[in-house]
Structure formats: C-alpha cells, structure tokens
Amino acid sequence: MQDDSDILKRIGSKIKALRLEKGMSQEELAEKSGVDRTFIGGLERGERNVSVMTLCDILRGLKYQIQTFFSHL
C-alpha cells in the first residue's frame, strides 16, 4: 500500500510534468483553466490543496482526462 502523506506533492509534480510536456507556461495553463498563475505554482510545489472541480478545470486546460490522471499518479 502506498503512503498518501505526500499526495499534494505527487499531484503537483504530475500537473507540472503534464504542463511541461505540453510546452505550456504556468500563465498559459492558468488562463486555460480559469485560475491564477500563483495557484498553479503553489499547486505544482505541493503547497495548495486543489478541489476536485478546480483539478477538473486544470486537466481540461491540459486536455487530459481525470481518470487517466489518477490511474497514473
């Protein structure tokens, strides 16, 4: 069983990896997701707890399905 104490860091790292894979800046992702750039930065560093709805908006901005996101986290 995996330790979930670092879940925020794992989510943030995955978001960052996907963003970089798409060649997007934090600002571009924020604009496409409808959130502030500083939120994206905090999320990527594992400092922010993201709601499910906001995570869906961010993944939509990345054109990535939430089911796939969690299956590869």
Protein backbone atom coordinates (compact mmCIF):
# COMPACT_ATOMS: atom_id res chain seq x y z
CA MET A 1 0.00 0.00 0.00
CA GLN A 2 1.30 3.46 -0.96
CA ASP A 3 1.83 6.20 1.65
CA ASP A 4 -0.51 9.10 0.83
CA SER A 5 1.16 11.65 3.11
CA ASP A 6 2.79 13.27 0.08
CA ILE A 7 -0.30 13.27 -2.14
CA LEU A 8 -0.24 17.05 -2.70
CA LYS A 9 3.35 16.88 -3.93
CA ARG A 10 2.56 13.93 -6.20
CA ILE A 11 -0.44 15.74 -7.70
CA GLY A 12 1.61 18.91 -8.15
CA SER A 13 4.50 17.08 -9.77
CA LYS A 14 2.13 15.33 -12.17
CA ILE A 15 0.47 18.65 -13.14
CA LYS A 16 3.89 20.22 -13.73
CA ALA A 17 5.09 17.27 -15.82
CA LEU A 18 1.94 17.38 -17.97
CA ARG A 19 2.22 21.15 -18.39
CA LEU A 20 5.86 20.93 -19.47
CA GLU A 21 5.05 18.01 -21.78
CA LYS A 22 2.51 20.28 -23.50
CA GLY A 23 5.07 23.11 -23.70
CA MET A 24 2.89 25.43 -21.63
CA SER A 25 3.89 28.10 -19.13
CA GLN A 26 2.18 28.36 -15.76
CA GLU A 27 0.50 31.51 -17.05
CA GLU A 28 -0.87 29.74 -20.14
CA LEU A 29 -2.23 26.88 -18.05
CA ALA A 30 -3.77 29.29 -15.56
CA GLU A 31 -5.50 31.18 -18.36
CA LYS A 32 -6.87 28.00 -19.94
CA SER A 33 -8.01 26.72 -16.53
CA GLY A 34 -9.53 29.91 -15.17
CA VAL A 35 -7.24 30.07 -12.12
CA ASP A 36 -4.48 32.41 -11.03
CA ARG A 37 -0.90 31.70 -12.08
CA THR A 38 0.21 31.78 -8.45
CA PHE A 39 -2.28 28.99 -7.71
CA ILE A 40 -0.69 26.82 -10.41
CA GLY A 41 2.76 27.49 -8.94
CA GLY A 42 1.63 26.60 -5.42
CA LEU A 43 -0.13 23.50 -6.69
CA GLU A 44 2.95 22.32 -8.56
CA ARG A 45 5.07 22.76 -5.42
CA GLY A 46 2.58 20.72 -3.38
CA GLU A 47 1.62 23.74 -1.27
CA ARG A 48 -2.01 24.02 -2.37
CA ASN A 49 -4.89 21.65 -1.81
CA VAL A 50 -6.90 21.62 -5.02
CA SER A 51 -10.64 20.95 -5.14
CA VAL A 52 -11.93 18.28 -7.47
CA MET A 53 -13.70 20.89 -9.60
CA THR A 54 -10.57 23.03 -9.96
CA LEU A 55 -8.50 19.94 -10.74
CA CYS A 56 -11.00 19.11 -13.49
CA ASP A 57 -10.62 22.65 -14.89
CA ILE A 58 -6.83 22.35 -14.86
CA LEU A 59 -6.89 18.92 -16.50
CA ARG A 60 -9.32 20.25 -19.11
CA GLY A 61 -6.81 23.04 -19.79
CA LEU A 62 -4.17 20.35 -20.28
CA LYS A 63 -6.56 18.24 -22.40
CA TYR A 64 -6.03 15.33 -20.03
CA GLN A 65 -8.70 13.03 -18.60
CA ILE A 66 -9.13 12.85 -14.84
CA GLN A 67 -9.46 9.05 -14.92
CA THR A 68 -6.07 8.75 -16.57
CA PHE A 69 -4.55 11.31 -14.22
CA PHE A 70 -5.40 9.29 -11.11
CA SER A 71 -4.58 5.92 -12.65
CA HIS A 72 -1.02 7.12 -13.32
CA LEU A 73 -0.45 9.14 -10.14
